[in-house]
Amino acid sequence: MSHQRKKSLLVGINYTGTQHTLQGCHQDIENIAEFLSYHGYSKDQRCRVVLADTPDIDYDFPFYPTGHNILAAMDWLVSEPNCTLFFHYSGHGGQIRDVDGNRSTGLDDSIVPVDYEQRGQISSTLLHEHLVTRMAPGCTLFIVMDCCHSGSAIELPYVYRSDSEGNVNLLDNLKAGARLVGEAHNLIQGGFSFDKLGEAQHLFAGATSFFRGLRHMGEQEEEGLEGGEFAGQYGSERKMVTMFSGCRDDQTSADAKIAGESTGAMSWAFLETMRREENPTYVQALQMTRRLLDQSNYTQIPQLSCGVEMDLDNTRLLF
């Protein structure tokens, strides 16, 4: 994969100035950016897009993490064939009403853009459309989701969890669904206020045009979704997408302070795992991430999700 072009999208939202402020999300994307540079990802704007709610960025700026900007940047990330892709999200996660009926509990996992009070959350259904269904042929996508209720945030069919003894088990992601616990799910009610399929056919004014302008020579044109539904999303798409999430669907993910630095617990554990074991298998990475969180007294349980069945014991992380 080393000969392929590498593209990355990093989203970090601290919700500065709101009652839901986080502390470590901007630092998370700085740490991830440094890690990606070490692994051959270019800092050039045509290869790396960073969205963050920093004070010096105007609300209407394409790199401000509104819902439209996040989705447009995702479309940019996955639009070119034969690329190695990396997506990192650090911010609030939530749960909202299931919009397509594939959750037994009637709830979708979601991420929370900075304009959530006006537009709501981005559901796992939309995340799957923009990151998986739309992903161009020949690509691999590696995702780190550091947020609450993130176990099924991309709706991938194969989900693995390590127990406290290091045993890795395959979960039934199709039936497990998501359950509301604690108070974190009350962060927002309702989802994006436009039709979930209708939005896939129109351009996001300003932001989409901007991200289209970052396209590499030879990048294919964006196409709408066929048939109005992404048929057979669970398994039949067979997209090479893997995701490490910070917790189960029914858990929260800690905004931590480690060695004097504000950071997401999952982002820290993932990067610490990569520091200690530079080229781990998927099983080793999942086990070590769980061990580090346990040793630091975090109760959240990280999960690994995959778009295809894999030999996790013998396959090294692809990014």
Protein backbone atom coordinates (compact mmCIF):
# COMPACT_ATOMS: atom_id res chain seq x y z
CA MET A 1 0.00 0.00 0.00
CA SER A 2 2.99 2.30 0.40
CA HIS A 3 2.87 3.34 -3.28
CA GLN A 4 -0.69 4.63 -2.96
CA ARG A 5 -1.50 8.27 -2.38
CA LYS A 6 -2.33 8.95 1.28
CA LYS A 7 -5.12 11.29 2.39
CA SER A 8 -6.26 12.16 5.89
CA LEU A 9 -9.16 14.00 7.52
CA LEU A 10 -8.88 15.09 11.16
CA VAL A 11 -11.82 16.58 13.07
CA GLY A 12 -11.43 17.94 16.60
CA ILE A 13 -14.20 19.87 18.36
CA ASN A 14 -13.85 21.39 21.84
CA TYR A 15 -17.24 23.20 21.67
CA THR A 16 -15.48 26.27 22.99
CA GLY A 17 -17.74 28.72 24.82
CA THR A 18 -20.62 26.26 25.28
CA GLN A 19 -21.83 24.34 28.32
CA HIS A 20 -20.62 21.13 26.69
CA THR A 21 -16.96 22.21 26.40
CA LEU A 22 -14.27 19.56 26.00
CA GLN A 23 -10.58 20.14 26.63
CA GLY A 24 -8.51 17.64 24.67
CA CYS A 25 -9.93 17.39 21.15
CA HIS A 26 -7.67 19.99 19.52
CA GLN A 27 -4.63 18.38 21.12
CA ASP A 28 -5.82 14.99 19.86
CA ILE A 29 -5.72 16.06 16.23
CA GLU A 30 -2.30 17.68 16.72
CA ASN A 31 -0.99 14.41 18.14
CA ILE A 32 -2.61 12.35 15.37
CA ALA A 33 -1.25 14.73 12.71
CA GLU A 34 2.28 14.23 14.05
CA PHE A 35 1.76 10.46 14.04
CA LEU A 36 0.50 10.52 10.43
CA SER A 37 3.43 12.63 9.27
CA TYR A 38 5.75 9.98 10.70
CA HIS A 39 3.87 7.37 8.65
CA GLY A 40 4.23 9.20 5.36
CA TYR A 41 1.05 11.30 5.21
CA SER A 42 1.65 14.68 3.63
CA LYS A 43 0.71 17.93 5.38
CA ASP A 44 -0.22 19.46 2.02
CA GLN A 45 -3.79 20.73 1.92
CA ARG A 46 -4.60 18.49 -1.03
CA CYS A 47 -3.75 15.47 1.13
CA ARG A 48 -4.72 16.52 4.66
CA VAL A 49 -7.80 18.43 5.83
CA VAL A 50 -8.16 19.50 9.46
CA LEU A 51 -11.47 20.79 10.86
CA ALA A 52 -11.40 22.38 14.31
CA ASP A 53 -13.35 25.04 16.21
CA THR A 54 -10.32 27.14 17.05
CA PRO A 55 -11.03 30.79 17.99
CA ASP A 56 -9.19 32.23 14.98
CA ILE A 57 -11.36 30.37 12.41
CA ASP A 58 -14.51 32.07 11.16
CA TYR A 59 -17.79 30.14 11.44
CA ASP A 60 -18.28 30.27 7.66
CA PHE A 61 -14.74 29.07 6.92
CA PRO A 62 -14.57 25.67 5.14
CA PHE A 63 -12.39 24.25 7.92
CA TYR A 64 -14.87 25.06 10.70
CA PRO A 65 -16.46 21.74 11.80
CA THR A 66 -20.11 22.39 10.96
CA GLY A 67 -22.20 19.43 9.88
CA HIS A 68 -22.08 20.41 6.20
CA ASN A 69 -18.33 20.95 6.28
CA ILE A 70 -17.70 17.61 7.97
CA LEU A 71 -19.80 15.71 5.41
CA ALA A 72 -18.26 17.60 2.50
CA ALA A 73 -14.76 16.87 3.80
CA MET A 74 -15.68 13.18 4.14
CA ASP A 75 -16.80 13.17 0.51
CA TRP A 76 -13.45 14.69 -0.43
CA LEU A 77 -11.56 12.08 1.60
CA VAL A 78 -13.10 9.03 -0.09
CA SER A 79 -13.61 10.38 -3.63
CA GLU A 80 -10.36 9.36 -5.33
CA PRO A 81 -9.68 5.70 -6.22
CA ASN A 82 -6.64 3.74 -5.08
CA CYS A 83 -5.79 5.76 -1.98
CA THR A 84 -4.83 4.92 1.59
CA LEU A 85 -7.17 6.96 3.82
CA PHE A 86 -7.21 7.92 7.50
CA PHE A 87 -10.07 9.59 9.41
CA HIS A 88 -9.91 10.72 13.03
CA TYR A 89 -12.77 12.26 15.01
CA SER A 90 -12.43 13.66 18.51
CA GLY A 91 -15.50 15.33 19.99
CA HIS A 92 -18.90 14.56 21.45
CA GLY A 93 -20.80 11.48 20.39
CA GLY A 94 -24.47 10.83 20.98
CA GLN A 95 -27.45 8.71 20.02
CA ILE A 96 -30.51 9.75 18.02
CA ARG A 97 -33.62 8.19 16.55
CA ASP A 98 -32.83 5.47 14.02
CA VAL A 99 -33.77 6.82 10.59
CA ASP A 100 -33.70 3.62 8.52
CA GLY A 101 -35.00 0.94 10.86
CA ASN A 102 -31.88 -1.25 11.12
CA ARG A 103 -31.42 -0.85 14.89
CA SER A 104 -33.34 -3.08 17.27
CA THR A 105 -33.39 -0.32 19.89
CA GLY A 106 -34.46 2.38 17.43
CA LEU A 107 -31.30 4.43 18.07
CA ASP A 108 -28.37 5.41 15.84
CA ASP A 109 -24.95 6.36 17.13
CA SER A 110 -23.94 9.86 16.04
CA ILE A 111 -21.26 12.52 16.06
CA VAL A 112 -21.88 16.10 17.11
CA PRO A 113 -20.84 18.96 14.78
CA VAL A 114 -20.22 22.39 16.20
CA ASP A 115 -23.56 23.69 14.87
CA TYR A 116 -25.56 20.92 16.54
CA GLU A 117 -27.99 23.34 18.14
CA GLN A 118 -29.17 24.49 14.70
CA ARG A 119 -28.77 21.28 12.65
CA GLY A 120 -28.54 18.40 15.12
CA GLN A 121 -26.23 15.41 15.05
CA ILE A 122 -24.87 13.37 12.14
CA SER A 123 -26.24 9.83 12.39
CA SER A 124 -24.31 6.62 11.85
CA THR A 125 -26.45 6.08 8.73
CA LEU A 126 -25.09 9.27 7.17
CA LEU A 127 -21.55 8.48 8.32
CA HIS A 128 -21.78 5.09 6.61
CA GLU A 129 -23.04 6.66 3.38
CA HIS A 130 -20.32 9.29 3.21
CA LEU A 131 -17.37 7.19 4.40
CA VAL A 132 -18.17 3.66 3.24
CA THR A 133 -20.80 3.63 0.48
CA ARG A 134 -19.15 6.53 -1.35
CA MET A 135 -15.59 5.28 -0.97
CA ALA A 136 -13.94 4.96 -4.38
CA PRO A 137 -12.62 1.59 -5.62
CA GLY A 138 -9.19 0.40 -4.54
CA CYS A 139 -9.11 2.41 -1.30
CA THR A 140 -8.48 1.40 2.29
CA LEU A 141 -9.86 3.52 5.13
CA PHE A 142 -8.64 3.47 8.74
CA ILE A 143 -10.79 5.29 11.32
CA VAL A 144 -10.24 6.29 14.95
CA MET A 145 -13.41 7.50 16.70
CA ASP A 146 -12.74 9.09 20.09
CA CYS A 147 -16.24 9.91 21.32
CA CYS A 148 -19.09 8.55 23.39
CA HIS A 149 -21.46 5.88 22.00
CA SER A 150 -19.05 5.11 19.16
CA GLY A 151 -19.08 1.32 18.96
CA SER A 152 -21.31 1.24 15.86
CA ALA A 153 -20.72 4.80 14.69
CA ILE A 154 -19.97 3.78 11.07
CA GLU A 155 -22.32 0.75 10.97
CA LEU A 156 -19.72 -1.80 9.95
CA PRO A 157 -20.78 -5.47 9.98
CA TYR A 158 -17.96 -7.13 11.95
CA VAL A 159 -17.31 -5.84 15.48
CA TYR A 160 -14.67 -7.20 17.83
CA ARG A 161 -14.12 -6.51 21.53
CA SER A 162 -11.33 -7.56 23.87
CA ASP A 163 -12.24 -8.67 27.38
CA SER A 164 -10.14 -7.96 30.46
CA GLU A 165 -8.19 -11.19 29.90
CA GLY A 166 -7.23 -10.21 26.36
CA ASN A 167 -9.63 -12.57 24.61
CA VAL A 168 -11.11 -11.05 21.44
CA ASN A 169 -14.73 -11.86 20.60
CA LEU A 170 -16.83 -11.18 17.51
CA LEU A 171 -20.08 -9.38 18.32
CA ASP A 172 -23.35 -9.44 16.36
CA ASN A 173 -23.46 -5.83 15.29
CA LEU A 174 -26.63 -6.33 13.29
CA LYS A 175 -28.73 -7.15 16.34
CA ALA A 176 -26.87 -5.58 19.23
CA GLY A 177 -28.03 -2.04 18.45
CA ALA A 178 -27.38 0.78 20.90
CA ARG A 179 -28.76 1.53 24.37
CA LEU A 180 -29.08 4.85 26.13
CA VAL A 181 -27.26 5.07 29.45
CA GLY A 182 -26.27 7.86 31.79
CA GLU A 183 -26.84 11.48 30.93
CA ALA A 184 -24.55 11.83 27.90
CA HIS A 185 -27.31 10.85 25.45
CA ASN A 186 -29.29 13.94 26.45
CA LEU A 187 -26.70 16.22 24.86
CA ILE A 188 -28.95 16.76 21.85
CA GLN A 189 -32.25 15.39 20.59
CA GLY A 190 -33.00 14.88 16.92
CA GLY A 191 -30.77 14.56 13.89
CA PHE A 192 -29.88 16.56 10.83
CA SER A 193 -32.99 18.38 9.67
CA PHE A 194 -32.85 17.47 6.00
CA ASP A 195 -33.87 14.31 4.19
CA LYS A 196 -31.23 11.63 4.69
CA LEU A 197 -31.16 10.62 1.03
CA GLY A 198 -32.09 13.91 -0.55
CA GLU A 199 -28.95 15.53 0.87
CA ALA A 200 -26.83 12.97 -0.96
CA GLN A 201 -27.87 14.41 -4.32
CA HIS A 202 -27.10 18.08 -3.77
CA LEU A 203 -23.92 20.04 -3.20
CA PHE A 204 -23.13 21.55 0.17
CA ALA A 205 -22.91 25.20 -0.82
CA GLY A 206 -19.45 26.67 -0.40
CA ALA A 207 -17.89 23.81 1.53
CA THR A 208 -18.41 21.13 -1.08
CA SER A 209 -17.12 23.33 -3.88
CA PHE A 210 -14.09 24.17 -1.78
CA PHE A 211 -13.22 20.55 -1.00
CA ARG A 212 -13.77 19.60 -4.61
CA GLY A 213 -11.10 22.15 -5.45
CA LEU A 214 -8.61 20.17 -3.35
CA ARG A 215 -8.95 17.12 -5.56
CA HIS A 216 -5.91 15.48 -6.99
CA MET A 217 -5.38 15.24 -10.73
CA GLY A 218 -7.32 12.30 -12.13
CA GLU A 219 -9.75 12.12 -9.22
CA GLN A 220 -13.14 10.82 -10.27
CA GLU A 221 -16.23 13.01 -10.23
CA GLU A 222 -18.62 12.62 -7.33
CA GLU A 223 -21.68 10.54 -8.11
CA GLY A 224 -25.02 10.36 -6.38
CA LEU A 225 -26.22 7.23 -4.65
CA GLU A 226 -28.04 4.76 -6.84
CA GLY A 227 -31.52 3.61 -6.05
CA GLY A 228 -32.11 5.88 -3.08
CA GLU A 229 -30.85 3.31 -0.55
CA PHE A 230 -27.36 1.92 -0.07
CA ALA A 231 -28.33 -1.69 -0.63
CA GLY A 232 -26.75 -4.38 1.50
CA GLN A 233 -24.61 -2.07 3.61
CA TYR A 234 -23.79 -4.85 6.05
CA GLY A 235 -21.16 -6.97 4.39
CA SER A 236 -22.13 -6.97 0.72
CA GLU A 237 -20.32 -3.68 0.03
CA ARG A 238 -17.06 -5.38 1.06
CA LYS A 239 -15.19 -2.12 1.55
CA MET A 240 -11.78 -2.31 3.25
CA VAL A 241 -12.73 -0.08 6.19
CA THR A 242 -11.49 -0.62 9.75
CA MET A 243 -12.39 1.46 12.80
CA PHE A 244 -11.08 1.64 16.35
CA SER A 245 -13.75 3.22 18.56
CA GLY A 246 -13.25 4.50 22.08
CA CYS A 247 -16.11 2.62 23.73
CA ARG A 248 -19.19 0.46 23.34
CA ASP A 249 -22.46 1.93 22.05
CA ASP A 250 -23.75 2.16 25.62
CA GLN A 251 -20.66 3.86 27.08
CA THR A 252 -19.09 7.28 27.31
CA SER A 253 -15.52 8.07 26.29
CA ALA A 254 -13.32 10.08 28.65
CA ASP A 255 -11.95 13.56 28.08
CA ALA A 256 -8.75 13.02 30.05
CA LYS A 257 -5.63 14.71 31.32
CA ILE A 258 -2.56 12.51 30.93
CA ALA A 259 0.98 13.64 31.80
CA GLY A 260 -0.37 17.18 32.18
CA GLU A 261 -1.86 17.25 28.68
CA SER A 262 -5.57 17.36 27.86
CA THR A 263 -6.41 14.51 25.49
CA GLY A 264 -9.09 11.98 24.66
CA ALA A 265 -8.41 8.72 26.49
CA MET A 266 -8.90 6.67 23.32
CA SER A 267 -6.65 8.87 21.18
CA TRP A 268 -3.97 8.64 23.85
CA ALA A 269 -4.30 4.85 24.18
CA PHE A 270 -4.18 4.34 20.40
CA LEU A 271 -1.08 6.50 19.96
CA GLU A 272 0.61 4.94 22.98
CA THR A 273 -0.08 1.51 21.49
CA MET A 274 1.51 2.60 18.21
CA ARG A 275 4.51 3.97 20.11
CA ARG A 276 5.08 0.73 21.98
CA GLU A 277 4.33 -1.61 19.07
CA GLU A 278 5.10 0.05 15.75
CA ASN A 279 3.59 -2.61 13.49
CA PRO A 280 0.99 -4.55 15.47
CA THR A 281 -1.67 -6.92 14.21
CA TYR A 282 -5.27 -5.82 14.66
CA VAL A 283 -5.68 -8.20 17.62
CA GLN A 284 -2.52 -6.91 19.29
CA ALA A 285 -3.61 -3.28 18.82
CA LEU A 286 -7.07 -3.94 20.25
CA GLN A 287 -5.69 -5.88 23.21
CA MET A 288 -3.03 -3.30 24.05
CA THR A 289 -5.45 -0.37 23.73
CA ARG A 290 -7.86 -2.11 26.14
CA ARG A 291 -4.98 -2.89 28.53
CA LEU A 292 -3.76 0.71 28.59
CA LEU A 293 -7.25 2.05 29.30
CA ASP A 294 -7.77 -0.53 32.05
CA GLN A 295 -4.41 0.25 33.64
CA SER A 296 -5.32 3.95 33.67
CA ASN A 297 -8.64 3.14 35.38
CA TYR A 298 -10.87 4.05 32.43
CA THR A 299 -13.95 1.84 32.25
CA GLN A 300 -14.62 2.39 28.54
CA ILE A 301 -14.07 -0.66 26.35
CA PRO A 302 -12.54 -0.01 22.91
CA GLN A 303 -13.86 -1.89 19.90
CA LEU A 304 -12.65 -2.79 16.44
CA SER A 305 -15.09 -2.75 13.51
CA CYS A 306 -14.39 -4.03 9.99
CA GLY A 307 -16.16 -3.83 6.66
CA VAL A 308 -14.89 -7.28 5.63
CA GLU A 309 -13.95 -10.44 7.48
CA MET A 310 -10.24 -10.45 8.28
CA ASP A 311 -7.60 -12.66 9.85
CA LEU A 312 -7.05 -10.25 12.71
CA ASP A 313 -4.32 -12.37 14.30
CA ASN A 314 -2.08 -12.12 11.25
CA THR A 315 -3.09 -8.87 9.55
CA ARG A 316 -1.09 -5.74 10.37
CA LEU A 317 -2.79 -2.36 10.70
CA LEU A 318 -3.31 -0.71 7.31
CA PHE A 319 -2.77 3.06 7.29
